[in-house]
Amino acid sequence: MEKGYVLKADDNFAEITINLNSGCSACANKGVCMVGDKPINLKVKNKIGMKKGDLVLFEISSSNRIMLSFLVFILPLINLFVGYYLGVKFYETEISGIIGASIGLIAGGTELVVLNKILKDSDRVTPQNIRVVNQEEYDNFSCSI
């Protein structure tokens, strides 16, 4: 479970901000995922009538975290290696492999942009089991990461 608060809300969507916990601030990869020390804002469907200022607890499943990590870290590398292989296979020079690897890496970045647009409103990658809590519950809750 994670905790956050509602920045803004309407009948359809709410924007929840997550203050990063000690796991994120101590992570060696925080520069790679571009989080740094800034809070993260998530747009979620407002199925429970959240209002601006509400304190919330929610879940992001482990399988979704693993899938998203794969997409961000591994997919571009796969494209890089495939691009290198195809460049060397068809043109049989090292420079063609480097050019192919570059094209593969750019293709991997493009795939991430397209997948982000496709998945951003999907229930598979958005927080689940959102519930509004009072200040005491919020303060006493410790994040799982």
Protein backbone atom coordinates (compact mmCIF):
# COMPACT_ATOMS: atom_id res chain seq x y z
CA MET A 1 0.00 0.00 0.00
CA GLU A 2 1.01 3.57 -0.68
CA LYS A 3 -0.28 6.85 0.61
CA GLY A 4 -0.98 10.22 -0.97
CA TYR A 5 -3.41 13.07 -1.10
CA VAL A 6 -5.82 14.43 -3.68
CA LEU A 7 -4.59 17.58 -5.45
CA LYS A 8 -7.72 18.08 -7.52
CA ALA A 9 -10.83 16.12 -8.32
CA ASP A 10 -13.99 16.22 -10.39
CA ASP A 11 -16.75 13.70 -10.98
CA ASN A 12 -14.64 11.63 -13.40
CA PHE A 13 -10.98 11.89 -12.38
CA ALA A 14 -8.80 12.75 -9.41
CA GLU A 15 -5.14 13.68 -9.32
CA ILE A 16 -3.29 12.05 -6.43
CA THR A 17 0.19 13.13 -5.39
CA ILE A 18 2.53 10.65 -3.77
CA ASN A 19 5.27 11.89 -1.49
CA LEU A 20 8.20 9.59 -2.01
CA ASN A 21 9.26 7.45 0.88
CA SER A 22 12.70 6.48 2.11
CA GLY A 23 12.88 3.59 -0.38
CA CYS A 24 12.71 6.01 -3.31
CA SER A 25 15.03 8.63 -1.87
CA ALA A 26 17.72 6.01 -1.13
CA CYS A 27 17.34 4.20 -4.47
CA ALA A 28 20.46 4.14 -6.65
CA ASN A 29 18.28 4.26 -9.80
CA LYS A 30 16.21 7.34 -8.94
CA GLY A 31 18.08 9.36 -11.56
CA VAL A 32 17.20 6.78 -14.22
CA CYS A 33 13.48 6.76 -13.49
CA MET A 34 13.53 10.59 -13.35
CA VAL A 35 11.78 10.71 -9.99
CA GLY A 36 14.50 12.40 -7.97
CA ASP A 37 13.04 13.94 -4.82
CA LYS A 38 9.88 15.30 -6.44
CA PRO A 39 6.43 13.94 -5.59
CA ILE A 40 4.71 11.91 -8.30
CA ASN A 41 1.23 12.86 -9.53
CA LEU A 42 -1.15 10.15 -10.72
CA LYS A 43 -4.44 10.67 -12.56
CA VAL A 44 -7.00 8.07 -11.51
CA LYS A 45 -10.69 7.45 -12.11
CA ASN A 46 -12.70 8.98 -9.30
CA LYS A 47 -14.93 6.01 -8.52
CA ILE A 48 -15.27 6.78 -4.79
CA GLY A 49 -16.05 10.50 -4.83
CA MET A 50 -12.68 11.84 -3.73
CA LYS A 51 -12.41 15.57 -3.09
CA LYS A 52 -9.47 17.97 -3.14
CA GLY A 53 -7.42 17.54 0.02
CA ASP A 54 -8.56 13.98 0.82
CA LEU A 55 -5.90 11.67 2.25
CA VAL A 56 -5.83 8.30 0.48
CA LEU A 57 -4.26 4.85 0.69
CA PHE A 58 -3.97 2.68 -2.42
CA GLU A 59 -2.17 -0.28 -3.99
CA ILE A 60 0.09 -0.63 -7.00
CA SER A 61 0.49 -4.36 -7.57
CA SER A 62 3.90 -6.00 -7.70
CA SER A 63 3.17 -7.53 -11.09
CA ASN A 64 2.44 -4.06 -12.50
CA ARG A 65 5.67 -2.70 -11.00
CA ILE A 66 7.63 -5.53 -12.61
CA MET A 67 5.91 -5.06 -15.98
CA LEU A 68 6.56 -1.31 -15.97
CA SER A 69 10.19 -1.82 -14.91
CA PHE A 70 10.64 -4.26 -17.79
CA LEU A 71 9.19 -1.77 -20.25
CA VAL A 72 11.36 1.11 -19.04
CA PHE A 73 14.67 -0.70 -18.51
CA ILE A 74 14.72 -3.85 -20.68
CA LEU A 75 12.64 -3.11 -23.80
CA PRO A 76 14.98 -0.35 -25.08
CA LEU A 77 17.98 -2.66 -24.55
CA ILE A 78 16.31 -5.45 -26.51
CA ASN A 79 15.71 -3.01 -29.38
CA LEU A 80 19.32 -1.84 -29.19
CA PHE A 81 20.69 -5.39 -29.54
CA VAL A 82 18.21 -6.34 -32.28
CA GLY A 83 19.13 -3.16 -34.18
CA TYR A 84 22.84 -3.95 -33.87
CA TYR A 85 22.31 -7.54 -35.01
CA LEU A 86 20.23 -6.53 -38.04
CA GLY A 87 22.71 -3.82 -39.02
CA VAL A 88 25.63 -6.25 -38.97
CA LYS A 89 23.61 -9.07 -40.55
CA PHE A 90 22.49 -7.06 -43.60
CA TYR A 91 25.45 -4.74 -44.19
CA GLU A 92 28.29 -6.75 -42.58
CA THR A 93 30.17 -3.76 -41.13
CA GLU A 94 30.67 -2.55 -37.59
CA ILE A 95 29.42 0.95 -38.41
CA SER A 96 26.16 -0.48 -39.76
CA GLY A 97 25.77 -2.34 -36.46
CA ILE A 98 26.27 0.90 -34.53
CA ILE A 99 23.77 2.71 -36.74
CA GLY A 100 21.32 -0.19 -36.36
CA ALA A 101 21.78 -0.13 -32.57
CA SER A 102 21.08 3.61 -32.53
CA ILE A 103 17.95 3.15 -34.61
CA GLY A 104 16.88 0.30 -32.31
CA LEU A 105 17.36 2.46 -29.22
CA ILE A 106 15.34 5.30 -30.77
CA ALA A 107 12.65 2.77 -31.72
CA GLY A 108 12.60 1.55 -28.10
CA GLY A 109 12.06 5.10 -26.86
CA THR A 110 9.29 5.60 -29.39
CA GLU A 111 7.66 2.35 -28.25
CA LEU A 112 7.68 3.65 -24.67
CA VAL A 113 5.95 6.88 -25.71
CA VAL A 114 3.28 4.95 -27.63
CA LEU A 115 2.80 2.42 -24.81
CA ASN A 116 2.50 5.27 -22.31
CA LYS A 117 -0.35 6.77 -24.34
CA ILE A 118 -2.05 3.38 -24.63
CA LEU A 119 -1.63 2.33 -21.00
CA LYS A 120 -2.03 5.64 -19.16
CA ASP A 121 -5.77 5.20 -18.58
CA SER A 122 -5.65 1.43 -18.24
CA ASP A 123 -6.77 -0.14 -14.97
CA ARG A 124 -3.76 -2.45 -15.23
CA VAL A 125 -1.24 0.28 -14.43
CA THR A 126 -3.23 2.65 -12.24
CA PRO A 127 -3.56 2.43 -8.47
CA GLN A 128 -6.18 0.01 -7.16
CA ASN A 129 -8.16 -0.28 -3.92
CA ILE A 130 -8.10 3.44 -3.28
CA ARG A 131 -9.68 4.49 -0.02
CA VAL A 132 -10.03 7.81 1.74
CA VAL A 133 -8.64 7.81 5.30
CA ASN A 134 -8.53 10.24 8.20
CA GLN A 135 -5.41 12.10 9.32
CA GLU A 136 -4.60 9.62 12.10
CA GLU A 137 -4.70 6.58 9.78
CA TYR A 138 -2.62 8.48 7.21
CA ASP A 139 0.04 9.50 9.74
CA ASN A 140 0.28 6.01 11.25
CA PHE A 141 0.55 4.21 7.92
CA SER A 142 4.03 3.18 6.76
CA CYS A 143 4.59 2.50 3.06
CA SER A 144 5.54 -0.95 1.83
CA ILE A 145 8.56 0.06 -0.25
